[in-house]
């Protein structure tokens, strides 16, 4: 357990959309002290941490030198780069720094490559440290919430999580058109990208299934796209009629030949689609079929114009709130089921 008055020295690693929000949360947190900031670009190096997240001066300057970060002797690193570098991770863990990360590699240790898992666990043993992957999705909605909702079940026939995101007011052309593939002809869309949801969300489904004593036989993933019925102008640009305007990912945890746990995500740039799509407002919908059935809507009550500014909090805050619990955990790769219920310290 964490001490009621314990304080933790924290490093923020990377200051993109999620990282900058986490950095702000650390600076303003009543029990966390910012020890350092690791950045990846020369333009950010040497700048005050407060400047990087819209706050006043903190006296902590950003660095690109991992050696400087190791030398700080921080209790925890909030590790939030665009890609996971296992060498960096192990170096940090061996130095005595725990890690909370929004990278998705460590949600379910048994899903890891055995050699990689052994390497990370050895680093934890040497440093007496732990590492935990979390965030909003995967994380909160794919692990913490299902475990709470199934705590009132004695029979579970199925649980489905649906994530919806209206991206029409998201002014991010690079993300929408180049990365996600909106605005392309369906024949040019990489549907294999949707099937890779098995890697992103499969570990969470396996974790929940294992916790419920219902281990999965397999995880299946796939997806589909819908096209714009007419030319549409969105904040990021223009979608021509007949080009990809929506995409849906489905990841199914199979047991006994049927899906018992399922995650579905629908991302769309217009709701003028084939009626079969029936897209929901931005948020999450969870349906539990069992002897205590539930139908739960979690909507984001934020105007679409502000969603890009607000949405990083859903991922960053969960990670920041987990810091005391990960620091108190035994060494190793720690999952949502290993840790106590994550409580936020708000006062």
Protein backbone atom coordinates (compact mmCIF):
# COMPACT_ATOMS: atom_id res chain seq x y z
CA UNK A 1 0.00 0.00 0.00
CA UNK A 2 1.06 3.59 -0.52
CA UNK A 3 1.65 5.84 2.47
CA UNK A 4 -0.92 8.60 2.94
CA UNK A 5 1.78 11.30 2.93
CA UNK A 6 4.37 9.62 0.68
CA UNK A 7 5.89 11.73 -2.06
CA UNK A 8 7.35 10.52 -5.35
CA UNK A 9 9.96 12.06 -7.64
CA UNK A 10 8.80 11.62 -11.23
CA UNK A 11 10.39 12.03 -14.67
CA UNK A 12 8.23 12.80 -17.69
CA UNK A 13 9.59 10.99 -20.77
CA UNK A 14 8.34 12.64 -24.01
CA UNK A 15 6.12 15.71 -24.30
CA UNK A 16 3.76 15.08 -27.20
CA UNK A 17 -0.01 15.45 -26.79
CA UNK A 18 -0.29 12.84 -24.04
CA UNK A 19 3.12 13.55 -22.51
CA UNK A 20 2.52 17.29 -22.20
CA UNK A 21 -0.77 16.66 -20.41
CA UNK A 22 0.92 14.19 -18.06
CA UNK A 23 3.71 16.69 -17.41
CA UNK A 24 1.19 19.33 -16.42
CA UNK A 25 -0.56 16.85 -14.12
CA UNK A 26 2.72 15.94 -12.39
CA UNK A 27 3.63 19.58 -11.80
CA UNK A 28 0.20 20.30 -10.29
CA UNK A 29 -0.08 17.03 -8.32
CA UNK A 30 -0.04 17.38 -4.51
CA UNK A 31 2.14 14.27 -3.95
CA UNK A 32 4.39 14.19 -7.02
CA UNK A 33 7.57 16.19 -7.52
CA UNK A 34 8.90 16.70 -11.03
CA UNK A 35 12.50 15.46 -11.14
CA UNK A 36 13.22 15.74 -14.85
CA UNK A 37 11.94 15.77 -18.41
CA UNK A 38 13.25 13.72 -21.35
CA UNK A 39 12.57 15.15 -24.83
CA UNK A 40 13.50 13.94 -28.29
CA UNK A 41 14.04 17.15 -30.28
CA UNK A 42 16.76 19.75 -30.01
CA UNK A 43 14.12 22.51 -30.09
CA UNK A 44 12.73 21.33 -26.73
CA UNK A 45 16.03 20.55 -25.00
CA UNK A 46 17.02 23.13 -22.40
CA UNK A 47 13.54 24.59 -22.10
CA UNK A 48 11.74 24.81 -18.77
CA UNK A 49 9.22 22.03 -18.12
CA UNK A 50 6.47 24.55 -17.44
CA UNK A 51 6.96 26.14 -20.84
CA UNK A 52 6.48 22.74 -22.50
CA UNK A 53 3.02 22.26 -21.00
CA UNK A 54 1.61 25.79 -20.69
CA UNK A 55 2.54 26.49 -17.07
CA UNK A 56 4.91 28.91 -15.38
CA UNK A 57 8.61 28.22 -14.69
CA UNK A 58 9.44 25.13 -12.63
CA UNK A 59 13.22 25.28 -12.55
CA UNK A 60 13.37 21.85 -14.24
CA UNK A 61 14.82 21.89 -17.74
CA UNK A 62 14.33 19.29 -20.41
CA UNK A 63 17.16 17.08 -21.64
CA UNK A 64 17.81 14.62 -24.46
CA UNK A 65 20.46 12.78 -22.43
CA UNK A 66 19.24 9.51 -20.93
CA UNK A 67 22.30 9.47 -18.68
CA UNK A 68 21.12 12.68 -17.04
CA UNK A 69 17.73 11.08 -16.45
CA UNK A 70 19.30 7.98 -14.85
CA UNK A 71 21.42 10.15 -12.57
CA UNK A 72 18.33 11.83 -11.10
CA UNK A 73 17.43 8.76 -9.03
CA UNK A 74 13.72 9.30 -9.65
CA UNK A 75 11.10 7.00 -8.16
CA UNK A 76 9.18 6.69 -11.42
CA UNK A 77 9.37 7.53 -15.11
CA UNK A 78 6.20 8.28 -17.07
CA UNK A 79 7.34 6.67 -20.32
CA UNK A 80 5.32 8.02 -23.27
CA UNK A 81 7.33 7.93 -26.53
CA UNK A 82 5.85 7.18 -29.96
CA UNK A 83 7.63 3.83 -30.03
CA UNK A 84 8.86 1.54 -27.29
CA UNK A 85 12.61 1.02 -27.03
CA UNK A 86 13.13 -2.06 -24.87
CA UNK A 87 16.76 -1.13 -24.32
CA UNK A 88 15.70 2.21 -22.83
CA UNK A 89 13.05 0.54 -20.73
CA UNK A 90 15.46 -2.00 -19.27
CA UNK A 91 18.11 0.65 -18.64
CA UNK A 92 15.61 2.74 -16.67
CA UNK A 93 14.32 -0.23 -14.68
CA UNK A 94 17.84 -1.39 -13.81
CA UNK A 95 18.71 2.14 -12.64
CA UNK A 96 16.04 1.88 -9.93
CA UNK A 97 13.24 3.84 -11.64
CA UNK A 98 9.77 2.31 -11.81
CA UNK A 99 7.89 2.89 -15.06
CA UNK A 100 4.29 3.75 -15.83
CA UNK A 101 3.78 3.79 -19.58
CA UNK A 102 1.02 4.52 -22.05
CA UNK A 103 2.77 2.20 -24.47
CA UNK A 104 0.73 -0.96 -24.89
CA UNK A 105 3.44 -3.61 -24.74
CA UNK A 106 3.06 -4.61 -21.08
CA UNK A 107 -0.68 -5.07 -20.45
CA UNK A 108 -0.47 -8.87 -20.29
CA UNK A 109 2.96 -10.45 -19.63
CA UNK A 110 1.97 -13.84 -21.05
CA UNK A 111 1.25 -12.17 -24.41
CA UNK A 112 4.84 -10.92 -24.67
CA UNK A 113 7.56 -12.67 -26.62
CA UNK A 114 9.13 -14.95 -23.96
CA UNK A 115 12.67 -13.63 -24.53
CA UNK A 116 11.52 -10.01 -24.29
CA UNK A 117 9.50 -10.75 -21.16
CA UNK A 118 12.48 -12.44 -19.50
CA UNK A 119 14.73 -9.49 -20.38
CA UNK A 120 12.34 -6.95 -18.85
CA UNK A 121 11.73 -9.06 -15.75
CA UNK A 122 15.50 -9.42 -15.20
CA UNK A 123 15.82 -5.63 -15.39
CA UNK A 124 13.07 -5.30 -12.79
CA UNK A 125 14.82 -7.76 -10.49
CA UNK A 126 18.14 -5.96 -10.78
CA UNK A 127 16.62 -2.56 -10.11
CA UNK A 128 13.96 -3.65 -7.61
CA UNK A 129 11.41 -1.96 -9.87
CA UNK A 130 8.12 -2.54 -11.66
CA UNK A 131 6.55 -1.49 -14.96
CA UNK A 132 2.87 -1.01 -15.77
CA UNK A 133 1.05 -0.22 -19.03
CA UNK A 134 -2.15 1.80 -18.77
CA UNK A 135 -4.18 4.57 -20.36
CA UNK A 136 -7.77 5.10 -21.41
CA UNK A 137 -8.02 2.59 -24.28
CA UNK A 138 -6.45 0.11 -23.86
CA UNK A 139 -6.38 0.35 -20.10
CA UNK A 140 -9.29 1.93 -18.29
CA UNK A 141 -12.10 0.94 -20.65
CA UNK A 142 -10.67 -2.46 -21.66
CA UNK A 143 -9.53 -3.62 -18.20
CA UNK A 144 -10.51 -1.54 -15.15
CA UNK A 145 -14.12 -0.94 -16.20
CA UNK A 146 -14.90 -4.53 -17.32
CA UNK A 147 -13.48 -5.89 -14.06
CA UNK A 148 -15.76 -3.58 -12.06
CA UNK A 149 -18.85 -4.41 -14.14
CA UNK A 150 -18.28 -8.16 -13.92
CA UNK A 151 -17.88 -7.95 -10.13
CA UNK A 152 -21.69 -8.19 -9.84
CA UNK A 153 -22.00 -11.18 -12.18
CA UNK A 154 -22.11 -14.86 -11.40
CA UNK A 155 -22.57 -15.83 -15.05
CA UNK A 156 -21.04 -14.00 -18.00
CA UNK A 157 -22.37 -14.78 -21.47
CA UNK A 158 -20.56 -11.92 -23.15
CA UNK A 159 -19.13 -8.43 -22.69
CA UNK A 160 -18.75 -5.93 -25.54
CA UNK A 161 -16.96 -2.60 -25.40
CA UNK A 162 -17.75 -0.14 -28.17
CA UNK A 163 -15.57 2.94 -28.67
CA UNK A 164 -16.83 5.73 -30.92
CA UNK A 165 -14.94 8.79 -32.11
CA UNK A 166 -16.29 11.56 -34.35
CA UNK A 167 -13.15 13.00 -35.97
CA UNK A 168 -14.87 15.53 -38.21
CA UNK A 169 -13.58 18.51 -36.22
CA UNK A 170 -10.11 17.07 -35.57
CA UNK A 171 -7.70 19.38 -37.42
CA UNK A 172 -4.96 16.78 -37.85
CA UNK A 173 -4.49 16.05 -41.58
CA UNK A 174 -1.36 13.98 -41.01
CA UNK A 175 -3.09 11.70 -38.53
CA UNK A 176 -6.37 11.29 -40.40
CA UNK A 177 -5.19 11.08 -43.99
CA UNK A 178 -1.62 9.77 -43.78
CA UNK A 179 -1.75 7.50 -40.72
CA UNK A 180 -5.38 6.39 -40.49
CA UNK A 181 -6.08 6.31 -44.22
CA UNK A 182 -9.22 8.43 -44.41
CA UNK A 183 -9.92 9.98 -47.82
CA UNK A 184 -8.42 7.06 -49.74
CA UNK A 185 -10.29 4.80 -52.16
CA UNK A 186 -11.36 1.62 -50.36
CA UNK A 187 -9.10 -0.41 -52.65
CA UNK A 188 -6.09 1.59 -51.42
CA UNK A 189 -6.97 1.31 -47.73
CA UNK A 190 -4.74 -1.00 -45.68
CA UNK A 191 -7.35 -3.18 -43.97
CA UNK A 192 -4.51 -5.15 -42.46
CA UNK A 193 -3.99 -2.16 -40.19
CA UNK A 194 -7.35 -2.89 -38.58
CA UNK A 195 -6.48 -6.54 -38.01
CA UNK A 196 -3.47 -5.38 -36.00
CA UNK A 197 -5.95 -4.46 -33.28
CA UNK A 198 -5.25 -7.99 -32.04
CA UNK A 199 -1.90 -6.69 -30.78
CA UNK A 200 -3.38 -3.49 -29.31
CA UNK A 201 -6.41 -4.88 -27.51
CA UNK A 202 -5.95 -8.64 -27.42
CA UNK A 203 -3.70 -8.52 -24.32
CA UNK A 204 -6.37 -6.59 -22.38
CA UNK A 205 -9.06 -9.09 -23.31
CA UNK A 206 -6.80 -11.96 -22.26
CA UNK A 207 -6.03 -10.23 -18.97
CA UNK A 208 -9.72 -9.81 -18.12
CA UNK A 209 -10.56 -13.34 -19.20
CA UNK A 210 -7.75 -14.80 -17.07
CA UNK A 211 -8.90 -12.76 -14.07
CA UNK A 212 -12.44 -14.12 -14.45
CA UNK A 213 -11.24 -17.72 -14.69
CA UNK A 214 -12.33 -17.86 -18.36
CA UNK A 215 -9.05 -18.05 -20.33
CA UNK A 216 -9.48 -17.43 -24.03
CA UNK A 217 -8.86 -20.03 -26.70
CA UNK A 218 -7.85 -17.36 -29.21
CA UNK A 219 -8.13 -13.70 -30.17
CA UNK A 220 -9.48 -12.77 -33.59
CA UNK A 221 -9.35 -9.34 -35.20
CA UNK A 222 -10.50 -7.64 -38.35
CA UNK A 223 -12.29 -4.59 -39.62
CA UNK A 224 -14.28 -2.84 -42.28
CA UNK A 225 -14.62 0.61 -43.81
CA UNK A 226 -17.47 2.80 -45.02
CA UNK A 227 -17.27 5.46 -47.72
CA UNK A 228 -18.55 9.01 -47.94
CA UNK A 229 -21.89 9.20 -49.75
CA UNK A 230 -21.05 12.68 -51.01
CA UNK A 231 -18.18 15.18 -50.85
CA UNK A 232 -17.59 16.22 -47.23
CA UNK A 233 -15.53 19.06 -45.80
CA UNK A 234 -14.01 18.32 -42.38
CA UNK A 235 -11.57 20.30 -40.23
CA UNK A 236 -8.62 18.34 -41.61
CA UNK A 237 -9.54 18.73 -45.27
CA UNK A 238 -11.90 17.18 -47.81
CA UNK A 239 -13.28 13.67 -48.22
CA UNK A 240 -14.38 13.00 -51.77
CA UNK A 241 -17.47 10.88 -52.42
CA UNK A 242 -16.59 7.20 -52.47
CA UNK A 243 -13.48 7.52 -50.31
CA UNK A 244 -12.99 6.06 -46.83
CA UNK A 245 -14.96 8.12 -44.30
CA UNK A 246 -15.31 5.61 -41.45
CA UNK A 247 -13.55 2.53 -40.21
CA UNK A 248 -14.44 -0.09 -37.65
CA UNK A 249 -12.10 -2.41 -35.76
CA UNK A 250 -13.34 -5.55 -34.01
CA UNK A 251 -11.24 -7.67 -31.65
CA UNK A 252 -12.91 -10.79 -30.28
CA UNK A 253 -11.77 -12.99 -27.43
CA UNK A 254 -12.96 -16.50 -28.30
CA UNK A 255 -13.87 -19.26 -25.87
CA UNK A 256 -15.72 -22.44 -26.78
CA UNK A 257 -16.18 -21.25 -30.34
CA UNK A 258 -17.89 -17.95 -29.55
CA UNK A 259 -16.83 -14.42 -28.59
CA UNK A 260 -17.11 -13.86 -24.84
CA UNK A 261 -15.17 -10.58 -24.74
CA UNK A 262 -15.16 -8.11 -27.57
CA UNK A 263 -13.75 -4.65 -28.27
CA UNK A 264 -15.10 -2.64 -31.20
CA UNK A 265 -13.94 0.81 -32.25
CA UNK A 266 -15.68 3.00 -34.81
CA UNK A 267 -13.79 6.08 -35.99
CA UNK A 268 -15.62 8.30 -38.45
CA UNK A 269 -15.34 11.69 -40.15
CA UNK A 270 -19.04 12.02 -41.06
CA UNK A 271 -22.23 10.32 -39.94
CA UNK A 272 -23.65 10.43 -43.46
CA UNK A 273 -22.92 6.75 -43.99
CA UNK A 274 -24.73 3.57 -44.86
CA UNK A 275 -27.49 3.23 -42.22
CA UNK A 276 -26.08 -0.15 -41.19
CA UNK A 277 -23.23 1.68 -39.46
CA UNK A 278 -25.45 3.55 -36.98
CA UNK A 279 -22.53 5.43 -35.40
CA UNK A 280 -22.75 6.68 -31.83
CA UNK A 281 -21.62 9.96 -30.30
CA UNK A 282 -17.99 10.11 -29.15
CA UNK A 283 -17.51 7.95 -26.07
CA UNK A 284 -17.79 4.36 -24.88
CA UNK A 285 -20.69 1.92 -24.67
CA UNK A 286 -20.35 -1.29 -22.66
CA UNK A 287 -22.88 -4.11 -22.75
CA UNK A 288 -22.69 -6.98 -20.27
CA UNK A 289 -24.77 -10.08 -20.94
CA UNK A 290 -24.99 -12.26 -17.87
CA UNK A 291 -27.21 -12.98 -14.88
CA UNK A 292 -26.96 -9.28 -13.93
CA UNK A 293 -27.14 -7.65 -17.40
CA UNK A 294 -25.92 -4.09 -17.88
CA UNK A 295 -25.97 -1.48 -20.63
CA UNK A 296 -23.64 1.44 -19.87
CA UNK A 297 -23.01 4.62 -21.86
CA UNK A 298 -19.99 6.83 -21.15
CA UNK A 299 -20.19 9.94 -23.30
CA UNK A 300 -17.65 12.75 -23.52
CA UNK A 301 -19.64 15.95 -22.86
CA UNK A 302 -17.20 18.10 -24.81
CA UNK A 303 -17.83 20.05 -28.04
CA UNK A 304 -16.06 18.41 -30.96
CA UNK A 305 -14.05 21.60 -31.49
CA UNK A 306 -12.48 21.11 -28.04
CA UNK A 307 -12.07 17.34 -28.15
CA UNK A 308 -8.45 17.42 -29.37
CA UNK A 309 -7.52 19.65 -26.43
CA UNK A 310 -9.42 17.62 -23.81
CA UNK A 311 -8.97 14.02 -24.95
CA UNK A 312 -5.29 13.62 -23.89
CA UNK A 313 -6.46 13.84 -20.26
CA UNK A 314 -8.34 10.55 -20.53
CA UNK A 315 -5.07 8.71 -21.20
CA UNK A 316 -2.52 10.82 -19.32
CA UNK A 317 -4.43 11.12 -16.05
CA UNK A 318 -4.81 7.37 -15.58
CA UNK A 319 -1.05 6.97 -15.90
CA UNK A 320 -0.25 9.79 -13.49
CA UNK A 321 -2.72 8.46 -10.92
CA UNK A 322 -1.06 5.03 -11.11
CA UNK A 323 2.40 6.27 -10.09
CA UNK A 324 2.12 5.71 -6.28
CA UNK A 325 0.67 2.23 -6.77
CA UNK A 326 3.35 1.12 -9.23
CA UNK A 327 6.10 2.47 -6.99
CA UNK A 328 4.69 0.42 -4.11
CA UNK A 329 4.31 -2.78 -6.17
CA UNK A 330 6.71 -5.76 -6.01
CA UNK A 331 9.31 -5.89 -8.80
CA UNK A 332 8.12 -7.12 -12.18
CA UNK A 333 5.66 -6.43 -14.98
CA UNK A 334 2.54 -5.38 -13.09
CA UNK A 335 -0.94 -5.49 -14.63
CA UNK A 336 -4.30 -3.99 -13.74
CA UNK A 337 -5.12 -7.18 -11.82
CA UNK A 338 -1.85 -7.05 -9.86
CA UNK A 339 -2.34 -3.51 -8.59
CA UNK A 340 -4.92 -2.19 -6.11
CA UNK A 341 -7.79 -0.11 -7.46
CA UNK A 342 -6.23 3.11 -8.79
CA UNK A 343 -7.40 6.05 -6.69
CA UNK A 344 -6.80 9.64 -7.71
CA UNK A 345 -5.32 12.08 -5.17
CA UNK A 346 -7.13 15.30 -6.00
CA UNK A 347 -6.73 17.45 -2.90
